[in-house]
Amino acid sequence: MADNEKKKKSNKGKAAFMFAFAATVLSSRAASAAASAAPANNEDFDNLTTSSTEQDIGSNPDYQRVDSNVYIASDSARTVNAFNKALGVTRNYAVYAKNLETFHVEGNVAVEKTSCLDVFNSNVVAHSGVGNGVYTLYIDKLPADPNIRIGIDGDTKYELVLGFDYEEIEVDNGTGKGIRVGGVDYKIECSGKASQLTIRSATKDDKFANINDTLDGVAGAGQALIDSTDFSAEDSANALSNAVMAIQRGEVKSGQTMIVNVHANDIPSNAANIRALLKGNNGVKVIINVITDSSTREINFGEVADDTWLKSGQNVVFNFGTYTGKVTTALNSGTFACAYADFENSGVVSGSVIATNIKMDNEIHQITPADEPGDEDDTPEPDVDPTPDDPDADTDTDTDTDTDTDTDTDTDTDTDTDTDTENKTHKDPDPD
């Protein structure tokens, strides 16, 4: 179905998009400038404190500026809603990627290709990481390993969806199942519960099978979100601590969405603040925009979390936009939206990973984030492909993107704002 090569485009590919939307962007900026001259309308920012509504709202009226690099999004913020929409089809997966080199996954999987499939749900069921009792495994191309392991807990059911031609066979006197492809038999270990495993072919109605389009949508909408708020490179080192304090002071409340802009260089020195946002977000939906530039080759989070089933981490999304480098982490939590990147974990990740290539040196435990309200798709979208920055190119991260992905929530975006990022490192000691 999908091409296995990572999607990369030259920056020259942006020219047509930028020209076509020039008038719209200029008009939008003029409107934003006029709106930023006055305090934000309370109706657009429900439950904000008086002090926060008096703050400068920056260049985009959809966002209330709480502190440098920290914003609260209104319910009508189009770039946030478009990003949530793009994430919609991935929301119920522990792993969503083109290529998976697996160690062990606890949850749903959708991949084009995997070296082997090793999936269990016993711990996910015990910790209520997935709620509907039916698990989906999608593989577009035949695994290299002829042994497929599916651990089925209790009375839950698994659906194995295949993107290639096969013949279903019985193994172990009917207690197991398998598939035959090109004369080769693939045995599916399913805990002796063959009756709880369904094997079928992918159809055009399976949105999770459109992996290339979905990754493009997540990357494009993520980059548009990054570009929609002002970023101060000088204040990047303190952005995450400012976000923690905004929650602690009650300036942002449960159910609201907080946007935090931080440069990739400042991620390693902010482990304590990231941990605080994962554990103490008090129901606030936190989107951490990880700002990169042409010199960014790898972003290393290290060990951040202290719990392998940190359910509060479901409220935190790390947005990497069109970044095409590498993301590494040890014990961590949250949703990693790095659609064009390579992801590797040496410790347990509790949450989900959306990437081009995923190499697991430890487990990924699915903790499904709450769905965004509404799933209608009644707003037409411009037919524009996102354009990732080439990691080998000597260019700034200055990306105009939009998304053409049909996923689960009902909003769209046409707000594109340029952000030109300096590669500066600010590393303050972790706060207590």
Protein backbone atom coordinates (compact mmCIF):
# COMPACT_ATOMS: atom_id res chain seq x y z
CA MET A 1 0.00 0.00 0.00
CA ALA A 2 2.50 2.60 1.15
CA ASP A 3 6.02 3.40 0.10
CA ASN A 4 8.60 2.26 2.68
CA GLU A 5 10.94 5.15 2.04
CA LYS A 6 10.84 8.03 4.52
CA LYS A 7 9.18 11.04 2.91
CA LYS A 8 11.59 13.91 2.39
CA LYS A 9 11.13 16.93 0.17
CA SER A 10 13.42 19.74 -0.81
CA ASN A 11 12.68 23.15 0.68
CA LYS A 12 12.14 24.26 -2.91
CA GLY A 13 8.86 22.37 -2.74
CA LYS A 14 7.49 25.04 -0.41
CA ALA A 15 7.60 27.76 -3.03
CA ALA A 16 4.28 27.03 -4.70
CA PHE A 17 2.50 26.65 -1.36
CA MET A 18 3.97 29.87 0.04
CA PHE A 19 3.03 31.87 -3.07
CA ALA A 20 -0.49 30.45 -3.18
CA PHE A 21 -1.16 31.32 0.43
CA ALA A 22 0.70 34.65 0.57
CA ALA A 23 -2.43 36.79 0.47
CA THR A 24 -4.10 34.64 3.13
CA VAL A 25 -1.08 34.81 5.45
CA LEU A 26 -0.75 38.59 5.08
CA SER A 27 -4.45 39.03 5.78
CA SER A 28 -4.24 36.71 8.79
CA ARG A 29 -1.26 38.57 10.22
CA ALA A 30 -3.00 41.89 9.81
CA ALA A 31 -6.01 40.56 11.67
CA SER A 32 -3.78 39.05 14.35
CA ALA A 33 -1.95 42.32 14.87
CA ALA A 34 -5.22 44.18 15.31
CA ALA A 35 -6.50 41.58 17.74
CA SER A 36 -3.29 41.60 19.81
CA ALA A 37 -3.79 45.26 20.61
CA ALA A 38 -6.67 44.39 22.95
CA PRO A 39 -7.11 41.86 25.79
CA ALA A 40 -8.43 38.46 24.81
CA ASN A 41 -12.19 37.92 24.88
CA ASN A 42 -13.14 35.87 27.93
CA GLU A 43 -15.62 33.90 25.81
CA ASP A 44 -12.69 32.56 23.79
CA PHE A 45 -10.73 31.43 26.86
CA ASP A 46 -13.13 29.74 29.28
CA ASN A 47 -12.18 29.73 32.97
CA LEU A 48 -9.09 31.89 32.61
CA THR A 49 -8.06 33.91 35.63
CA THR A 50 -8.34 37.70 35.54
CA SER A 51 -4.60 38.12 35.66
CA SER A 52 -4.01 35.84 32.68
CA THR A 53 -6.63 37.52 30.51
CA GLU A 54 -4.76 40.77 30.95
CA GLN A 55 -1.61 39.26 29.44
CA ASP A 56 -0.36 39.98 25.95
CA ILE A 57 -1.87 37.50 23.49
CA GLY A 58 1.04 37.58 21.05
CA SER A 59 0.73 37.42 17.27
CA ASN A 60 -2.20 34.98 17.09
CA PRO A 61 -5.52 35.83 18.76
CA ASP A 62 -6.35 32.13 19.15
CA TYR A 63 -3.75 31.96 21.91
CA GLN A 64 -3.54 33.65 25.30
CA ARG A 65 0.05 34.36 26.31
CA VAL A 66 0.62 33.29 29.93
CA ASP A 67 4.40 33.62 29.99
CA SER A 68 7.26 33.64 27.53
CA ASN A 69 6.80 30.61 25.22
CA VAL A 70 3.68 29.50 27.13
CA TYR A 71 0.16 29.96 25.73
CA ILE A 72 -3.38 28.83 26.39
CA ALA A 73 -5.33 27.88 23.27
CA SER A 74 -8.93 28.94 22.84
CA ASP A 75 -11.48 26.25 21.99
CA SER A 76 -11.58 27.67 18.46
CA ALA A 77 -7.81 27.65 17.88
CA ARG A 78 -7.70 26.20 14.39
CA THR A 79 -4.12 24.93 14.41
CA VAL A 80 -4.66 23.04 17.68
CA ASN A 81 -7.89 21.54 16.41
CA ALA A 82 -6.25 20.57 13.12
CA PHE A 83 -3.38 18.91 14.99
CA ASN A 84 -5.81 16.94 17.16
CA LYS A 85 -7.70 15.95 14.03
CA ALA A 86 -4.51 14.71 12.36
CA LEU A 87 -3.69 12.68 15.49
CA GLY A 88 -7.18 11.19 15.52
CA VAL A 89 -6.50 7.97 13.62
CA THR A 90 -3.33 7.29 15.66
CA ARG A 91 -4.99 7.95 19.00
CA ASN A 92 -5.80 4.31 19.70
CA TYR A 93 -2.34 2.89 18.90
CA ALA A 94 0.75 2.29 21.00
CA VAL A 95 2.82 2.25 17.80
CA TYR A 96 2.02 3.90 14.47
CA ALA A 97 4.92 3.84 12.03
CA LYS A 98 6.31 2.81 8.68
CA ASN A 99 8.97 0.50 10.11
CA LEU A 100 9.05 -1.22 13.51
CA GLU A 101 12.00 -3.09 14.97
CA THR A 102 10.20 -4.52 17.92
CA PHE A 103 11.10 -5.66 21.40
CA HIS A 104 7.64 -5.92 22.87
CA VAL A 105 4.45 -3.85 22.50
CA GLU A 106 1.54 -3.74 24.95
CA GLY A 107 -1.32 -2.35 22.88
CA ASN A 108 -2.48 -1.71 19.32
CA VAL A 109 -0.03 -1.59 16.41
CA ALA A 110 -0.26 -0.18 12.87
CA VAL A 111 2.88 -0.49 10.74
CA GLU A 112 3.88 -0.93 7.14
CA LYS A 113 6.69 -3.31 7.97
CA THR A 114 8.09 -5.04 11.06
CA SER A 115 10.97 -7.40 11.65
CA CYS A 116 8.68 -9.48 13.86
CA LEU A 117 5.40 -9.00 15.68
CA ASP A 118 5.47 -9.43 19.46
CA VAL A 119 2.30 -8.00 20.98
CA PHE A 120 0.56 -8.70 24.28
CA ASN A 121 -2.32 -7.08 26.14
CA SER A 122 -2.22 -8.63 29.62
CA ASN A 123 -0.67 -5.61 31.32
CA VAL A 124 -2.70 -3.15 29.24
CA VAL A 125 -5.89 -4.89 30.34
CA ALA A 126 -4.76 -4.89 33.98
CA HIS A 127 -3.97 -1.18 33.87
CA SER A 128 -6.93 -0.20 31.65
CA GLY A 129 -4.63 1.26 29.04
CA VAL A 130 -7.11 0.48 26.24
CA GLY A 131 -10.78 0.58 26.97
CA ASN A 132 -12.84 -1.18 24.28
CA GLY A 133 -11.74 -4.80 24.71
CA VAL A 134 -10.89 -5.24 21.02
CA TYR A 135 -7.30 -4.85 19.86
CA THR A 136 -6.10 -4.14 16.33
CA LEU A 137 -2.83 -5.14 14.70
CA TYR A 138 -2.24 -3.89 11.17
CA ILE A 139 0.73 -5.01 9.05
CA ASP A 140 1.01 -3.85 5.46
CA LYS A 141 3.91 -6.12 4.46
CA LEU A 142 4.86 -9.63 5.47
CA PRO A 143 7.07 -9.82 8.60
CA ALA A 144 10.53 -11.31 8.24
CA ASP A 145 10.03 -13.60 11.25
CA PRO A 146 7.59 -16.48 10.54
CA ASN A 147 6.54 -16.57 14.22
CA ILE A 148 3.93 -13.99 15.22
CA ARG A 149 3.26 -13.69 18.95
CA ILE A 150 -0.08 -12.35 20.15
CA GLY A 151 -0.76 -12.65 23.87
CA ILE A 152 -4.51 -12.54 24.51
CA ASP A 153 -5.68 -11.77 28.04
CA GLY A 154 -9.04 -12.90 29.42
CA ASP A 155 -11.95 -12.57 27.03
CA THR A 156 -10.44 -9.74 24.97
CA LYS A 157 -10.30 -10.11 21.22
CA TYR A 158 -7.62 -9.38 18.64
CA GLU A 159 -8.04 -8.44 15.01
CA LEU A 160 -5.04 -9.05 12.75
CA VAL A 161 -5.45 -6.91 9.61
CA LEU A 162 -3.14 -7.67 6.68
CA GLY A 163 -2.27 -5.54 3.67
CA PHE A 164 -1.08 -8.48 1.52
CA ASP A 165 -2.57 -11.65 0.05
CA TYR A 166 -2.59 -14.70 2.29
CA GLU A 167 -4.32 -17.99 3.01
CA GLU A 168 -5.53 -18.61 6.55
CA ILE A 169 -4.54 -21.98 8.04
CA GLU A 170 -5.07 -23.87 11.29
CA VAL A 171 -2.15 -24.99 13.42
CA ASP A 172 -1.75 -27.12 16.55
CA ASN A 173 -4.93 -29.09 15.85
CA GLY A 174 -7.04 -25.96 15.68
CA THR A 175 -5.83 -24.39 18.94
CA GLY A 176 -3.79 -21.87 16.98
CA LYS A 177 -3.98 -19.99 13.71
CA GLY A 178 -1.62 -19.10 10.95
CA ILE A 179 -1.26 -17.72 7.46
CA ARG A 180 0.36 -19.13 4.34
CA VAL A 181 2.08 -16.71 1.97
CA GLY A 182 4.00 -17.86 -1.09
CA GLY A 183 4.19 -21.40 0.25
CA VAL A 184 5.63 -20.27 3.60
CA ASP A 185 3.61 -20.89 6.77
CA TYR A 186 3.51 -18.25 9.48
CA LYS A 187 2.42 -19.53 12.87
CA ILE A 188 0.49 -17.17 15.13
CA GLU A 189 0.91 -17.88 18.82
CA CYS A 190 -2.29 -16.68 20.46
CA SER A 191 -2.31 -18.13 23.98
CA GLY A 192 -4.43 -21.07 22.82
CA LYS A 193 -7.34 -18.70 22.18
CA ALA A 194 -7.72 -19.02 18.42
CA SER A 195 -11.45 -18.31 18.64
CA GLN A 196 -10.65 -14.82 19.97
CA LEU A 197 -8.40 -13.95 17.03
CA THR A 198 -9.80 -12.74 13.70
CA ILE A 199 -7.63 -12.46 10.59
CA ARG A 200 -8.81 -10.32 7.69
CA SER A 201 -7.60 -8.21 4.78
CA ALA A 202 -7.40 -4.43 5.00
CA THR A 203 -10.15 -2.50 3.22
CA LYS A 204 -10.53 1.04 1.94
CA ASP A 205 -12.54 1.84 5.08
CA ASP A 206 -9.57 1.13 7.37
CA LYS A 207 -8.22 4.61 7.94
CA PHE A 208 -5.35 3.25 10.02
CA ALA A 209 -4.01 1.56 6.87
CA ASN A 210 -3.25 4.91 5.19
CA ILE A 211 0.06 5.23 7.00
CA ASN A 212 1.85 7.57 4.58
CA ASP A 213 -1.07 10.01 4.42
CA THR A 214 -1.56 9.92 8.18
CA LEU A 215 2.12 10.61 8.92
CA ASP A 216 2.06 13.48 6.42
CA GLY A 217 -1.00 14.89 8.15
CA VAL A 218 0.51 14.68 11.64
CA ALA A 219 3.79 16.26 10.50
CA GLY A 220 2.11 19.06 8.54
CA ALA A 221 -0.46 19.95 11.18
CA GLY A 222 2.21 19.73 13.87
CA GLN A 223 4.47 22.15 12.01
CA ALA A 224 1.59 24.56 11.45
CA LEU A 225 0.95 24.49 15.20
CA ILE A 226 4.62 25.19 15.92
CA ASP A 227 4.51 28.14 13.53
CA SER A 228 1.29 29.58 14.97
CA THR A 229 2.73 31.03 18.20
CA ASP A 230 5.73 33.24 18.90
CA PHE A 231 8.93 31.54 20.02
CA SER A 232 11.63 33.27 22.05
CA ALA A 233 14.93 31.42 21.76
CA GLU A 234 16.36 33.52 24.61
CA ASP A 235 13.64 32.31 27.01
CA SER A 236 13.52 28.70 25.81
CA ALA A 237 15.42 27.27 28.79
CA ASN A 238 12.71 28.49 31.18
CA ALA A 239 9.66 27.62 29.06
CA LEU A 240 8.92 24.28 30.72
CA SER A 241 9.36 25.62 34.25
CA ASN A 242 7.08 28.53 33.32
CA ALA A 243 4.48 25.99 32.17
CA VAL A 244 4.71 24.03 35.42
CA MET A 245 4.20 27.20 37.45
CA ALA A 246 1.25 28.29 35.27
CA ILE A 247 -0.55 25.07 36.19
CA GLN A 248 0.42 25.33 39.85
CA ARG A 249 -0.81 28.94 40.03
CA GLY A 250 -4.13 27.96 38.44
CA GLU A 251 -3.62 30.16 35.38
CA VAL A 252 -4.52 27.21 33.17
CA LYS A 253 -7.19 24.77 34.23
CA SER A 254 -8.28 21.19 33.68
CA GLY A 255 -9.60 20.61 30.16
CA GLN A 256 -7.80 23.59 28.67
CA THR A 257 -4.92 23.21 26.20
CA MET A 258 -1.56 24.74 27.03
CA ILE A 259 1.09 25.21 24.32
CA VAL A 260 4.75 25.27 25.37
CA ASN A 261 7.54 26.15 22.91
CA VAL A 262 11.00 24.84 23.82
CA HIS A 263 14.12 24.39 21.72
CA ALA A 264 15.44 20.84 21.35
CA ASN A 265 18.75 21.94 22.92
CA ASP A 266 16.93 22.67 26.19
CA ILE A 267 15.19 19.28 26.50
CA PRO A 268 18.03 17.44 28.32
CA SER A 269 18.30 20.06 31.09
CA ASN A 270 14.56 20.05 31.78
CA ALA A 271 13.92 16.46 32.86
CA ALA A 272 12.43 17.55 36.19
CA ASN A 273 10.03 20.00 34.53
CA ILE A 274 8.94 17.45 31.92
CA ARG A 275 8.33 14.95 34.73
CA ALA A 276 6.27 17.54 36.58
CA LEU A 277 4.11 18.15 33.49
CA LEU A 278 3.62 14.42 32.96
CA LYS A 279 2.67 13.77 36.59
CA GLY A 280 1.16 17.05 37.75
CA ASN A 281 -0.75 18.42 34.75
CA ASN A 282 -4.03 18.38 36.74
CA GLY A 283 -6.02 17.47 33.64
CA VAL A 284 -4.52 20.24 31.50
CA LYS A 285 -3.83 19.12 27.93
CA VAL A 286 -0.19 20.02 27.35
CA ILE A 287 1.32 20.23 23.86
CA ILE A 288 5.09 20.68 23.98
CA ASN A 289 6.33 22.05 20.66
CA VAL A 290 9.93 20.88 20.30
CA ILE A 291 11.64 23.52 18.16
CA THR A 292 14.42 22.31 15.89
CA ASP A 293 16.68 23.83 13.26
CA SER A 294 19.05 22.66 10.53
CA SER A 295 21.71 21.66 13.05
CA THR A 296 19.41 19.40 15.09
CA ARG A 297 20.36 15.78 14.43
CA GLU A 298 19.21 14.08 17.63
CA ILE A 299 16.95 14.95 20.57
CA ASN A 300 17.71 12.92 23.68
CA PHE A 301 15.18 13.00 26.52
CA GLY A 302 17.00 10.55 28.73
CA GLU A 303 15.09 9.09 31.68
CA VAL A 304 12.19 11.38 32.54
CA ALA A 305 9.31 9.43 34.08
CA ASP A 306 9.38 7.33 37.24
CA ASP A 307 6.37 5.10 36.51
CA THR A 308 5.95 2.53 33.72
CA TRP A 309 2.15 3.10 33.70
CA LEU A 310 1.97 6.86 34.14
CA LYS A 311 -1.63 7.42 33.05
CA SER A 312 -1.53 11.19 33.60
CA GLY A 313 1.00 11.26 30.77
CA GLN A 314 -1.91 10.77 28.36
CA ASN A 315 -2.49 14.53 28.63
CA VAL A 316 0.95 15.43 27.23
CA VAL A 317 1.92 15.46 23.54
CA PHE A 318 5.44 16.13 22.29
CA ASN A 319 5.07 17.73 18.86
CA PHE A 320 8.11 17.61 16.56
CA GLY A 321 6.41 18.93 13.42
CA THR A 322 8.33 18.01 10.27
CA TYR A 323 11.59 17.20 12.10
CA THR A 324 13.45 14.38 10.28
CA GLY A 325 16.23 13.55 12.74
CA LYS A 326 16.32 11.13 15.66
CA VAL A 327 14.44 11.10 18.98
CA THR A 328 15.76 8.94 21.81
CA THR A 329 14.42 8.41 25.29
CA ALA A 330 14.59 6.05 28.24
CA LEU A 331 11.77 5.79 30.80
CA ASN A 332 9.18 8.29 29.59
CA SER A 333 5.49 8.92 29.02
CA GLY A 334 3.17 10.81 26.69
CA THR A 335 2.44 10.89 22.96
CA PHE A 336 5.50 11.36 20.74
CA ALA A 337 4.28 12.91 17.48
CA CYS A 338 7.52 12.68 15.48
CA ALA A 339 6.01 11.52 12.21
CA TYR A 340 9.08 12.05 10.00
CA ALA A 341 11.69 11.09 12.62
CA ASP A 342 13.45 7.94 13.83
CA PHE A 343 12.45 7.00 17.39
CA GLU A 344 14.34 4.76 19.79
CA ASN A 345 13.57 3.91 23.42
CA SER A 346 15.96 2.23 25.85
CA GLY A 347 13.36 2.30 28.65
CA VAL A 348 9.61 1.80 28.91
CA VAL A 349 7.42 4.40 27.23
CA SER A 350 3.88 4.64 28.59
CA GLY A 351 1.80 6.34 25.93
CA SER A 352 2.20 6.14 22.17
CA VAL A 353 4.76 6.78 19.43
CA ILE A 354 4.07 8.07 15.91
CA ALA A 355 7.20 7.96 13.78
CA THR A 356 8.71 6.85 10.49
CA ASN A 357 11.04 4.30 12.07
CA ILE A 358 10.73 2.90 15.59
CA LYS A 359 13.45 0.82 17.18
CA MET A 360 12.38 -0.64 20.49
CA ASP A 361 15.04 -1.67 22.97
CA ASN A 362 12.35 -1.81 25.65
CA GLU A 363 8.56 -1.92 25.88
CA ILE A 364 5.91 0.55 24.81
CA HIS A 365 2.78 0.47 26.99
CA GLN A 366 -0.30 1.98 25.43
CA ILE A 367 -2.13 4.61 27.43
CA THR A 368 -4.81 6.02 25.18
CA PRO A 369 -5.35 9.79 25.35
CA ALA A 370 -8.89 11.08 25.58
CA ASP A 371 -10.59 11.61 22.21
CA GLU A 372 -11.20 15.16 21.14
CA PRO A 373 -14.93 16.02 20.87
CA GLY A 374 -16.62 15.45 17.54
CA ASP A 375 -15.66 13.23 14.64
CA GLU A 376 -17.43 14.78 11.69
CA ASP A 377 -15.48 15.90 8.67
CA ASP A 378 -17.50 18.71 7.15
CA THR A 379 -14.78 21.26 6.42
CA PRO A 380 -12.93 21.13 3.08
CA GLU A 381 -9.15 21.05 3.31
CA PRO A 382 -6.60 22.57 0.92
CA ASP A 383 -4.71 19.95 -1.06
CA VAL A 384 -1.25 20.82 0.20
CA ASP A 385 1.46 18.36 1.25
CA PRO A 386 3.67 19.18 4.23
CA THR A 387 7.34 19.77 3.44
CA PRO A 388 9.83 18.46 6.00
CA ASP A 389 13.19 20.13 6.47
CA ASP A 390 16.03 18.03 5.10
CA PRO A 391 18.37 17.30 8.03
CA ASP A 392 21.36 17.54 5.69
CA ALA A 393 20.39 20.97 4.39
CA ASP A 394 21.88 24.12 5.90
CA THR A 395 18.59 25.95 6.36
CA ASP A 396 16.57 27.49 9.14
CA THR A 397 13.40 25.87 10.42
CA ASP A 398 11.03 28.13 8.55
CA THR A 399 8.13 25.98 7.44
CA ASP A 400 4.73 26.79 6.00
CA THR A 401 2.57 23.67 6.16
CA ASP A 402 -0.97 22.52 6.06
CA THR A 403 -2.62 19.13 6.23
CA ASP A 404 -4.76 17.06 3.91
CA THR A 405 -5.42 14.10 6.21
CA ASP A 406 -8.89 12.71 6.87
CA THR A 407 -8.97 11.74 10.52
CA ASP A 408 -11.26 11.82 13.49
CA THR A 409 -11.96 15.32 14.75
CA ASP A 410 -13.93 17.98 12.98
CA THR A 411 -11.77 21.02 12.51
CA ASP A 412 -9.36 22.23 9.91
CA THR A 413 -6.57 24.75 9.64
CA ASP A 414 -5.51 27.49 7.32
CA THR A 415 -3.44 29.50 9.77
CA ASP A 416 0.22 29.53 8.78
CA THR A 417 2.70 31.71 10.63
CA ASP A 418 6.44 31.65 10.03
CA THR A 419 8.81 30.92 12.90
CA ASP A 420 12.52 31.44 12.33
CA THR A 421 14.41 29.57 15.05
CA GLU A 422 17.91 30.30 16.29
CA ASN A 423 20.01 27.40 17.52
CA LYS A 424 20.81 28.58 21.02
CA THR A 425 21.46 26.45 24.05
CA HIS A 426 20.21 27.47 27.47
CA LYS A 427 20.76 24.90 30.17
CA ASP A 428 19.74 25.86 33.67
CA PRO A 429 19.93 23.32 36.50
CA ASP A 430 16.76 21.33 37.10
CA PRO A 431 14.47 22.97 39.65
CA ASP A 432 13.61 21.07 42.78
